[in-house]
PDB file of N, CA and C in Angstrom:
ATOM      1  N   MET A   1     152.892 138.279  13.670  1.00  0.00           N
ATOM      2  CA  MET A   1     152.256 137.530  14.756  1.00  0.00           C
ATOM      3  C   MET A   1     153.090 137.630  16.022  1.00  0.00           C
ATOM      4  N   SER A   2     152.458 137.823  17.112  1.00  0.00           N
ATOM      5  CA  SER A   2     153.142 137.825  18.397  1.00  0.00           C
ATOM      6  C   SER A   2     153.119 136.408  18.951  1.00  0.00           C
ATOM      7  N   THR A   3     154.271 135.950  19.462  1.00  0.00           N
ATOM      8  CA  THR A   3     154.291 134.594  20.009  1.00  0.00           C
ATOM      9  C   THR A   3     153.658 134.532  21.384  1.00  0.00           C
ATOM     10  N   SER A   4     153.175 135.675  21.882  1.00  0.00           N
ATOM     11  CA  SER A   4     152.378 135.595  23.102  1.00  0.00           C
ATOM     12  C   SER A   4     151.063 134.889  22.759  1.00  0.00           C
ATOM     13  N   ASP A   5     150.704 134.947  21.469  1.00  0.00           N
ATOM     14  CA  ASP A   5     149.587 134.144  20.975  1.00  0.00           C
ATOM     15  C   ASP A   5     150.096 132.709  20.836  1.00  0.00           C
ATOM     16  N   VAL A   6     149.202 131.790  20.676  1.00  0.00           N
ATOM     17  CA  VAL A   6     149.586 130.407  20.453  1.00  0.00           C
ATOM     18  C   VAL A   6     150.194 130.297  19.061  1.00  0.00           C
ATOM     19  N   LEU A   7     151.312 129.577  18.959  1.00  0.00           N
ATOM     20  CA  LEU A   7     151.922 129.369  17.650  1.00  0.00           C
ATOM     21  C   LEU A   7     150.983 128.539  16.788  1.00  0.00           C
ATOM     22  N   ASN A   8     150.756 128.984  15.585  1.00  0.00           N
ATOM     23  CA  ASN A   8     149.868 128.300  14.646  1.00  0.00           C
ATOM     24  C   ASN A   8     150.628 127.155  13.985  1.00  0.00           C
ATOM     25  N   PRO A   9     150.210 125.904  14.206  1.00  0.00           N
ATOM     26  CA  PRO A   9     150.918 124.766  13.628  1.00  0.00           C
ATOM     27  C   PRO A   9     151.022 124.826  12.101  1.00  0.00           C
ATOM     28  N   GLU A  10     149.978 125.359  11.440  1.00  0.00           N
ATOM     29  CA  GLU A  10     150.018 125.457   9.979  1.00  0.00           C
ATOM     30  C   GLU A  10     151.096 126.440   9.532  1.00  0.00           C
ATOM     31  N   GLU A  11     151.224 127.556  10.247  1.00  0.00           N
ATOM     32  CA  GLU A  11     152.245 128.542   9.891  1.00  0.00           C
ATOM     33  C   GLU A  11     153.643 127.998  10.169  1.00  0.00           C
ATOM     34  N   VAL A  12     153.800 127.309  11.303  1.00  0.00           N
ATOM     35  CA  VAL A  12     155.091 126.712  11.626  1.00  0.00           C
ATOM     36  C   VAL A  12     155.470 125.684  10.558  1.00  0.00           C
ATOM     37  N   ALA A  13     154.527 124.818  10.183  1.00  0.00           N
ATOM     38  CA  ALA A  13     154.797 123.798   9.163  1.00  0.00           C
ATOM     39  C   ALA A  13     155.167 124.444   7.831  1.00  0.00           C
ATOM     40  N   LEU A  14     154.504 125.544   7.486  1.00  0.00           N
ATOM     41  CA  LEU A  14     154.803 126.248   6.239  1.00  0.00           C
ATOM     42  C   LEU A  14     156.217 126.818   6.257  1.00  0.00           C
ATOM     43  N   VAL A  15     156.606 127.426   7.359  1.00  0.00           N
ATOM     44  CA  VAL A  15     157.962 127.972   7.491  1.00  0.00           C
ATOM     45  C   VAL A  15     158.989 126.853   7.371  1.00  0.00           C
ATOM     46  N   LEU A  16     158.731 125.741   8.040  1.00  0.00           N
ATOM     47  CA  LEU A  16     159.657 124.606   7.958  1.00  0.00           C
ATOM     48  C   LEU A  16     159.761 124.094   6.530  1.00  0.00           C
ATOM     49  N   ARG A  17     158.623 123.967   5.870  1.00  0.00           N
ATOM     50  CA  ARG A  17     158.594 123.432   4.499  1.00  0.00           C
ATOM     51  C   ARG A  17     159.293 124.365   3.513  1.00  0.00           C
ATOM     52  N   GLU A  18     159.044 125.664   3.637  1.00  0.00           N
ATOM     53  CA  GLU A  18     159.573 126.609   2.653  1.00  0.00           C
ATOM     54  C   GLU A  18     161.001 127.061   2.932  1.00  0.00           C
ATOM     55  N   LYS A  19     161.382 127.142   4.200  1.00  0.00           N
ATOM     56  CA  LYS A  19     162.684 127.717   4.521  1.00  0.00           C
ATOM     57  C   LYS A  19     163.724 126.704   5.007  1.00  0.00           C
ATOM     58  N   VAL A  20     163.282 125.615   5.632  1.00  0.00           N
ATOM     59  CA  VAL A  20     164.232 124.663   6.201  1.00  0.00           C
ATOM     60  C   VAL A  20     164.364 123.412   5.337  1.00  0.00           C
ATOM     61  N   SER A  21     163.250 122.875   4.873  1.00  0.00           N
ATOM     62  CA  SER A  21     163.290 121.644   4.083  1.00  0.00           C
ATOM     63  C   SER A  21     164.236 121.717   2.887  1.00  0.00           C
ATOM     64  N   PRO A  22     164.247 122.811   2.125  1.00  0.00           N
ATOM     65  CA  PRO A  22     165.178 122.863   0.987  1.00  0.00           C
ATOM     66  C   PRO A  22     166.645 122.704   1.402  1.00  0.00           C
ATOM     67  N   ILE A  23     167.001 123.229   2.549  1.00  0.00           N
ATOM     68  CA  ILE A  23     168.374 123.088   3.054  1.00  0.00           C
ATOM     69  C   ILE A  23     168.658 121.630   3.380  1.00  0.00           C
ATOM     70  N   LEU A  24     167.731 120.985   4.080  1.00  0.00           N
ATOM     71  CA  LEU A  24     167.927 119.595   4.491  1.00  0.00           C
ATOM     72  C   LEU A  24     167.899 118.640   3.305  1.00  0.00           C
ATOM     73  N   ARG A  25     167.045 118.917   2.330  1.00  0.00           N
ATOM     74  CA  ARG A  25     166.970 118.058   1.144  1.00  0.00           C
ATOM     75  C   ARG A  25     168.295 118.046   0.384  1.00  0.00           C
ATOM     76  N   GLY A  26     169.032 119.150   0.470  1.00  0.00           N
ATOM     77  CA  GLY A  26     170.349 119.212  -0.150  1.00  0.00           C
ATOM     78  C   GLY A  26     171.335 118.233   0.467  1.00  0.00           C
ATOM     79  N   HIS A  27     170.988 117.716   1.641  1.00  0.00           N
ATOM     80  CA  HIS A  27     171.829 116.737   2.333  1.00  0.00           C
ATOM     81  C   HIS A  27     171.168 115.356   2.364  1.00  0.00           C
ATOM     82  N   GLY A  28     170.093 115.182   1.601  1.00  0.00           N
ATOM     83  CA  GLY A  28     169.414 113.886   1.537  1.00  0.00           C
ATOM     84  C   GLY A  28     168.426 113.632   2.654  1.00  0.00           C
ATOM     85  N   GLY A  29     168.000 114.673   3.338  1.00  0.00           N
ATOM     86  CA  GLY A  29     167.068 114.489   4.444  1.00  0.00           C
ATOM     87  C   GLY A  29     165.931 115.487   4.391  1.00  0.00           C
ATOM     88  N   ASP A  30     165.194 115.545   5.463  1.00  0.00           N
ATOM     89  CA  ASP A  30     164.079 116.484   5.599  1.00  0.00           C
ATOM     90  C   ASP A  30     163.646 116.472   7.061  1.00  0.00           C
ATOM     91  N   LEU A  31     162.538 117.112   7.362  1.00  0.00           N
ATOM     92  CA  LEU A  31     162.001 117.108   8.709  1.00  0.00           C
ATOM     93  C   LEU A  31     160.493 117.216   8.667  1.00  0.00           C
ATOM     94  N   VAL A  32     159.864 116.834   9.767  1.00  0.00           N
ATOM     95  CA  VAL A  32     158.419 116.988   9.932  1.00  0.00           C
ATOM     96  C   VAL A  32     158.165 117.624  11.288  1.00  0.00           C
ATOM     97  N   LEU A  33     157.091 118.373  11.355  1.00  0.00           N
ATOM     98  CA  LEU A  33     156.655 118.955  12.614  1.00  0.00           C
ATOM     99  C   LEU A  33     155.952 117.871  13.411  1.00  0.00           C
ATOM    100  N   SER A  34     156.425 117.618  14.605  1.00  0.00           N
ATOM    101  CA  SER A  34     155.816 116.610  15.463  1.00  0.00           C
ATOM    102  C   SER A  34     154.675 117.230  16.267  1.00  0.00           C
ATOM    103  N   HIS A  35     154.990 118.250  17.049  1.00  0.00           N
ATOM    104  CA  HIS A  35     153.977 118.974  17.816  1.00  0.00           C
ATOM    105  C   HIS A  35     154.583 120.246  18.391  1.00  0.00           C
ATOM    106  N   ILE A  36     153.727 121.065  18.965  1.00  0.00           N
ATOM    107  CA  ILE A  36     154.156 122.324  19.559  1.00  0.00           C
ATOM    108  C   ILE A  36     153.653 122.365  20.995  1.00  0.00           C
ATOM    109  N   ARG A  37     154.546 122.731  21.900  1.00  0.00           N
ATOM    110  CA  ARG A  37     154.161 122.890  23.302  1.00  0.00           C
ATOM    111  C   ARG A  37     154.721 124.229  23.770  1.00  0.00           C
ATOM    112  N   GLY A  38     153.848 125.198  23.909  1.00  0.00           N
ATOM    113  CA  GLY A  38     154.289 126.545  24.269  1.00  0.00           C
ATOM    114  C   GLY A  38     155.139 127.127  23.159  1.00  0.00           C
ATOM    115  N   LYS A  39     156.365 127.521  23.486  1.00  0.00           N
ATOM    116  CA  LYS A  39     157.293 128.048  22.489  1.00  0.00           C
ATOM    117  C   LYS A  39     158.316 126.996  22.059  1.00  0.00           C
ATOM    118  N   SER A  40     158.065 125.739  22.418  1.00  0.00           N
ATOM    119  CA  SER A  40     158.921 124.634  21.994  1.00  0.00           C
ATOM    120  C   SER A  40     158.284 123.946  20.797  1.00  0.00           C
ATOM    121  N   ILE A  41     159.028 123.919  19.706  1.00  0.00           N
ATOM    122  CA  ILE A  41     158.549 123.314  18.470  1.00  0.00           C
ATOM    123  C   ILE A  41     159.306 121.996  18.287  1.00  0.00           C
ATOM    124  N   TYR A  42     158.575 120.901  18.381  1.00  0.00           N
ATOM    125  CA  TYR A  42     159.176 119.572  18.311  1.00  0.00           C
ATOM    126  C   TYR A  42     159.200 119.115  16.855  1.00  0.00           C
ATOM    127  N   ILE A  43     160.391 118.723  16.410  1.00  0.00           N
ATOM    128  CA  ILE A  43     160.580 118.295  15.033  1.00  0.00           C
ATOM    129  C   ILE A  43     161.186 116.895  15.005  1.00  0.00           C
ATOM    130  N   ARG A  44     160.957 116.221  13.892  1.00  0.00           N
ATOM    131  CA  ARG A  44     161.547 114.903  13.682  1.00  0.00           C
ATOM    132  C   ARG A  44     162.254 114.935  12.342  1.00  0.00           C
ATOM    133  N   PHE A  45     163.533 114.598  12.333  1.00  0.00           N
ATOM    134  CA  PHE A  45     164.272 114.527  11.080  1.00  0.00           C
ATOM    135  C   PHE A  45     163.964 113.223  10.368  1.00  0.00           C
ATOM    136  N   THR A  46     164.003 113.268   9.038  1.00  0.00           N
ATOM    137  CA  THR A  46     163.776 112.087   8.212  1.00  0.00           C
ATOM    138  C   THR A  46     164.938 111.932   7.232  1.00  0.00           C
ATOM    139  N   GLY A  47     164.960 110.800   6.546  1.00  0.00           N
ATOM    140  CA  GLY A  47     165.999 110.558   5.549  1.00  0.00           C
ATOM    141  C   GLY A  47     167.378 110.558   6.179  1.00  0.00           C
ATOM    142  N   ALA A  48     168.348 111.082   5.449  1.00  0.00           N
ATOM    143  CA  ALA A  48     169.735 111.089   5.909  1.00  0.00           C
ATOM    144  C   ALA A  48     169.927 111.916   7.178  1.00  0.00           C
ATOM    145  N   CYS A  49     169.032 112.852   7.427  1.00  0.00           N
ATOM    146  CA  CYS A  49     169.162 113.709   8.612  1.00  0.00           C
ATOM    147  C   CYS A  49     168.790 112.971   9.896  1.00  0.00           C
ATOM    148  N   ARG A  50     168.018 111.903   9.756  1.00  0.00           N
ATOM    149  CA  ARG A  50     167.496 111.202  10.935  1.00  0.00           C
ATOM    150  C   ARG A  50     168.594 110.704  11.870  1.00  0.00           C
ATOM    151  N   GLY A  51     169.595 110.069  11.341  1.00  0.00           N
ATOM    152  CA  GLY A  51     170.642 109.520  12.206  1.00  0.00           C
ATOM    153  C   GLY A  51     171.928 110.320  12.154  1.00  0.00           C
ATOM    154  N   CYS A  52     171.864 111.511  11.626  1.00  0.00           N
ATOM    155  CA  CYS A  52     173.059 112.333  11.449  1.00  0.00           C
ATOM    156  C   CYS A  52     173.642 112.749  12.803  1.00  0.00           C
ATOM    157  N   PRO A  53     174.965 112.639  12.959  1.00  0.00           N
ATOM    158  CA  PRO A  53     175.586 113.071  14.210  1.00  0.00           C
ATOM    159  C   PRO A  53     175.426 114.574  14.476  1.00  0.00           C
ATOM    160  N   ALA A  54     175.175 115.345  13.433  1.00  0.00           N
ATOM    161  CA  ALA A  54     175.022 116.797  13.597  1.00  0.00           C
ATOM    162  C   ALA A  54     173.563 117.215  13.739  1.00  0.00           C
ATOM    163  N   ALA A  55     172.652 116.282  13.982  1.00  0.00           N
ATOM    164  CA  ALA A  55     171.219 116.590  14.040  1.00  0.00           C
ATOM    165  C   ALA A  55     170.894 117.637  15.098  1.00  0.00           C
ATOM    166  N   LEU A  56     171.460 117.502  16.286  1.00  0.00           N
ATOM    167  CA  LEU A  56     171.172 118.464  17.346  1.00  0.00           C
ATOM    168  C   LEU A  56     171.666 119.852  16.963  1.00  0.00           C
ATOM    169  N   GLU A  57     172.862 119.917  16.400  1.00  0.00           N
ATOM    170  CA  GLU A  57     173.410 121.201  15.959  1.00  0.00           C
ATOM    171  C   GLU A  57     172.552 121.803  14.844  1.00  0.00           C
ATOM    172  N   THR A  58     172.080 120.975  13.922  1.00  0.00           N
ATOM    173  CA  THR A  58     171.211 121.452  12.846  1.00  0.00           C
ATOM    174  C   THR A  58     169.901 121.992  13.408  1.00  0.00           C
ATOM    175  N   ALA A  59     169.351 121.300  14.394  1.00  0.00           N
ATOM    176  CA  ALA A  59     168.100 121.758  15.012  1.00  0.00           C
ATOM    177  C   ALA A  59     168.297 123.129  15.654  1.00  0.00           C
ATOM    178  N   GLU A  60     169.406 123.305  16.332  1.00  0.00           N
ATOM    179  CA  GLU A  60     169.633 124.560  17.042  1.00  0.00           C
ATOM    180  C   GLU A  60     170.078 125.690  16.118  1.00  0.00           C
ATOM    181  N   ARG A  61     171.040 125.411  15.263  1.00  0.00           N
ATOM    182  CA  ARG A  61     171.632 126.486  14.451  1.00  0.00           C
ATOM    183  C   ARG A  61     170.843 126.809  13.192  1.00  0.00           C
ATOM    184  N   THR A  62     170.117 125.846  12.665  1.00  0.00           N
ATOM    185  CA  THR A  62     169.385 126.103  11.425  1.00  0.00           C
ATOM    186  C   THR A  62     167.890 126.248  11.689  1.00  0.00           C
ATOM    187  N   VAL A  63     167.278 125.188  12.172  1.00  0.00           N
ATOM    188  CA  VAL A  63     165.824 125.184  12.352  1.00  0.00           C
ATOM    189  C   VAL A  63     165.403 126.260  13.355  1.00  0.00           C
ATOM    190  N   GLN A  64     166.024 126.264  14.510  1.00  0.00           N
ATOM    191  CA  GLN A  64     165.670 127.225  15.553  1.00  0.00           C
ATOM    192  C   GLN A  64     165.920 128.658  15.087  1.00  0.00           C
ATOM    193  N   ALA A  65     167.042 128.876  14.407  1.00  0.00           N
ATOM    194  CA  ALA A  65     167.365 130.229  13.925  1.00  0.00           C
ATOM    195  C   ALA A  65     166.327 130.727  12.933  1.00  0.00           C
ATOM    196  N   VAL A  66     165.898 129.866  12.018  1.00  0.00           N
ATOM    197  CA  VAL A  66     164.887 130.251  11.028  1.00  0.00           C
ATOM    198  C   VAL A  66     163.565 130.573  11.717  1.00  0.00           C
ATOM    199  N   LEU A  67     163.154 129.736  12.663  1.00  0.00           N
ATOM    200  CA  LEU A  67     161.893 129.962  13.375  1.00  0.00           C
ATOM    201  C   LEU A  67     161.941 131.233  14.212  1.00  0.00           C
ATOM    202  N   ARG A  68     163.039 131.453  14.902  1.00  0.00           N
ATOM    203  CA  ARG A  68     163.163 132.668  15.717  1.00  0.00           C
ATOM    204  C   ARG A  68     163.114 133.915  14.846  1.00  0.00           C
ATOM    205  N   GLU A  69     163.793 133.853  13.705  1.00  0.00           N
ATOM    206  CA  GLU A  69     163.786 135.006  12.804  1.00  0.00           C
ATOM    207  C   GLU A  69     162.393 135.255  12.251  1.00  0.00           C
ATOM    208  N   HIS A  70     161.722 134.203  11.794  1.00  0.00           N
ATOM    209  CA  HIS A  70     160.386 134.353  11.206  1.00  0.00           C
ATOM    210  C   HIS A  70     159.396 134.937  12.207  1.00  0.00           C
ATOM    211  N   PHE A  71     159.386 134.390  13.421  1.00  0.00           N
ATOM    212  CA  PHE A  71     158.407 134.822  14.419  1.00  0.00           C
ATOM    213  C   PHE A  71     158.898 135.998  15.266  1.00  0.00           C
ATOM    214  N   GLY A  72     160.163 136.395  15.109  1.00  0.00           N
ATOM    215  CA  GLY A  72     160.702 137.515  15.878  1.00  0.00           C
ATOM    216  C   GLY A  72     160.728 137.263  17.367  1.00  0.00           C
ATOM    217  N   ASP A  73     161.059 136.023  17.758  1.00  0.00           N
ATOM    218  CA  ASP A  73     161.037 135.654  19.171  1.00  0.00           C
ATOM    219  C   ASP A  73     162.232 134.758  19.492  1.00  0.00           C
ATOM    220  N   GLU A  74     163.153 135.267  20.290  1.00  0.00           N
ATOM    221  CA  GLU A  74     164.361 134.529  20.660  1.00  0.00           C
ATOM    222  C   GLU A  74     164.103 133.415  21.677  1.00  0.00           C
ATOM    223  N   ASP A  75     162.897 133.316  22.178  1.00  0.00           N
ATOM    224  CA  ASP A  75     162.572 132.283  23.161  1.00  0.00           C
ATOM    225  C   ASP A  75     162.051 130.993  22.531  1.00  0.00           C
ATOM    226  N   ILE A  76     161.866 130.984  21.219  1.00  0.00           N
ATOM    227  CA  ILE A  76     161.403 129.772  20.541  1.00  0.00           C
ATOM    228  C   ILE A  76     162.537 128.751  20.518  1.00  0.00           C
ATOM    229  N   ASP A  77     162.204 127.515  20.847  1.00  0.00           N
ATOM    230  CA  ASP A  77     163.183 126.426  20.823  1.00  0.00           C
ATOM    231  C   ASP A  77     162.750 125.361  19.835  1.00  0.00           C
ATOM    232  N   ALA A  78     163.705 124.874  19.063  1.00  0.00           N
ATOM    233  CA  ALA A  78     163.474 123.711  18.208  1.00  0.00           C
ATOM    234  C   ALA A  78     163.989 122.504  18.979  1.00  0.00           C
ATOM    235  N   VAL A  79     163.112 121.540  19.206  1.00  0.00           N
ATOM    236  CA  VAL A  79     163.438 120.371  20.022  1.00  0.00           C
ATOM    237  C   VAL A  79     163.324 119.122  19.155  1.00  0.00           C
ATOM    238  N   LEU A  80     164.373 118.286  19.196  1.00  0.00           N
ATOM    239  CA  LEU A  80     164.319 117.036  18.443  1.00  0.00           C
ATOM    240  C   LEU A  80     163.393 116.058  19.143  1.00  0.00           C
ATOM    241  N   ASP A  81     162.459 115.522  18.402  1.00  0.00           N
ATOM    242  CA  ASP A  81     161.541 114.507  18.911  1.00  0.00           C
ATOM    243  C   ASP A  81     162.000 113.183  18.324  1.00  0.00           C
ATOM    244  N   ASN A  82     162.685 112.405  19.125  1.00  0.00           N
ATOM    245  CA  ASN A  82     163.222 111.131  18.643  1.00  0.00           C
ATOM    246  C   ASN A  82     162.343 109.952  19.004  1.00  0.00           C
ATOM    247  N   GLY A  83     161.123 110.236  19.417  1.00  0.00           N
ATOM    248  CA  GLY A  83     160.207 109.165  19.783  1.00  0.00           C
ATOM    249  C   GLY A  83     159.677 108.432  18.563  1.00  0.00           C
ATOM    250  N   VAL A  84     158.938 107.411  18.809  1.00  0.00           N
ATOM    251  CA  VAL A  84     158.336 106.615  17.745  1.00  0.00           C
ATOM    252  C   VAL A  84     157.136 107.370  17.190  1.00  0.00           C
ATOM    253  N   SER A  85     157.023 107.427  15.869  1.00  0.00           N
ATOM    254  CA  SER A  85     155.923 108.162  15.248  1.00  0.00           C
ATOM    255  C   SER A  85     154.603 107.439  15.477  1.00  0.00           C
ATOM    256  N   GLU A  86     153.536 108.208  15.448  1.00  0.00           N
ATOM    257  CA  GLU A  86     152.191 107.661  15.612  1.00  0.00           C
ATOM    258  C   GLU A  86     151.872 106.674  14.486  1.00  0.00           C
ATOM    259  N   ASP A  87     152.340 106.952  13.271  1.00  0.00           N
ATOM    260  CA  ASP A  87     152.113 106.043  12.139  1.00  0.00           C
ATOM    261  C   ASP A  87     152.750 104.685  12.395  1.00  0.00           C
ATOM    262  N   LEU A  88     153.965 104.677  12.917  1.00  0.00           N
ATOM    263  CA  LEU A  88     154.657 103.426  13.188  1.00  0.00           C
ATOM    264  C   LEU A  88     153.944 102.631  14.277  1.00  0.00           C
ATOM    265  N   ILE A  89     153.464 103.318  15.290  1.00  0.00           N
ATOM    266  CA  ILE A  89     152.714 102.649  16.358  1.00  0.00           C
ATOM    267  C   ILE A  89     151.445 102.019  15.794  1.00  0.00           C
ATOM    268  N   ASN A  90     150.731 102.751  14.939  1.00  0.00           N
ATOM    269  CA  ASN A  90     149.506 102.212  14.341  1.00  0.00           C
ATOM    270  C   ASN A  90     149.798 101.004  13.457  1.00  0.00           C
ATOM    271  N   GLN A  91     150.895 101.047  12.703  1.00  0.00           N
ATOM    272  CA  GLN A  91     151.270  99.892  11.875  1.00  0.00           C
ATOM    273  C   GLN A  91     151.562  98.684  12.753  1.00  0.00           C
ATOM    274  N   ALA A  92     152.267  98.890  13.838  1.00  0.00           N
ATOM    275  CA  ALA A  92     152.585  97.794  14.750  1.00  0.00           C
ATOM    276  C   ALA A  92     151.310  97.193  15.339  1.00  0.00           C
ATOM    277  N   LYS A  93     150.362  98.048  15.703  1.00  0.00           N
ATOM    278  CA  LYS A  93     149.086  97.562  16.247  1.00  0.00           C
ATOM    279  C   LYS A  93     148.348  96.705  15.224  1.00  0.00           C
ATOM    280  N   GLN A  94     148.349  97.139  13.974  1.00  0.00           N
ATOM    281  CA  GLN A  94     147.678  96.378  12.913  1.00  0.00           C
ATOM    282  C   GLN A  94     148.334  95.015  12.737  1.00  0.00           C
ATOM    283  N   ILE A  95     149.639  94.968  12.740  1.00  0.00           N
ATOM    284  CA  ILE A  95     150.357  93.704  12.594  1.00  0.00           C
ATOM    285  C   ILE A  95     150.041  92.775  13.749  1.00  0.00           C
ATOM    286  N   LEU A  96     150.029  93.306  14.952  1.00  0.00           N
ATOM    287  CA  LEU A  96     149.733  92.484  16.134  1.00  0.00           C
ATOM    288  C   LEU A  96     148.298  91.976  16.105  1.00  0.00           C
ATOM    289  N   GLN A  97     147.355  92.803  15.650  1.00  0.00           N
ATOM    290  CA  GLN A  97     145.969  92.371  15.581  1.00  0.00           C
ATOM    291  C   GLN A  97     145.805  91.257  14.553  1.00  0.00           C
ATOM    292  N   LYS A  98     146.499  91.354  13.418  1.00  0.00           N
ATOM    293  CA  LYS A  98     146.412  90.321  12.387  1.00  0.00           C
ATOM    294  C   LYS A  98     146.991  89.013  12.872  1.00  0.00           C
ATOM    295  N   SER A  99     148.060  89.070  13.668  1.00  0.00           N
ATOM    296  CA  SER A  99     148.697  87.841  14.129  1.00  0.00           C
ATOM    297  C   SER A  99     147.855  87.127  15.178  1.00  0.00           C
ATOM    298  N   LYS A 100     146.914  87.809  15.823  1.00  0.00           N
ATOM    299  CA  LYS A 100     146.042  87.198  16.815  1.00  0.00           C
ATOM    300  C   LYS A 100     144.909  86.413  16.186  1.00  0.00           C
ATOM    301  N   LYS A 101     144.651  86.680  14.907  1.00  0.00           N
ATOM    302  CA  LYS A 101     143.506  86.030  14.244  1.00  0.00           C
ATOM    303  C   LYS A 101     143.832  84.642  13.804  1.00  0.00           C
TER     304      LYS A 101
END
């Protein structure tokens, strides 16, 4: 696949699951694909990796390297998405709606 095409989120998620997740699970963590914007792939670490001081280095040296190798494109960036997940926002909304009743 040429990355001049739009990166396929399913293919990116598969690469992360098969090639990166096993490495992170060995350290008690994992990651999820947050979203893709151009050649920037936004990821969120989970488990022990979430608050790890080496998270940025892991994103650049491991995740980004695997993605660049798979897609054959040195311009791909792995970006840490430290924002609040959509699931957490929805849970908060549900709690707030229940408290209004």
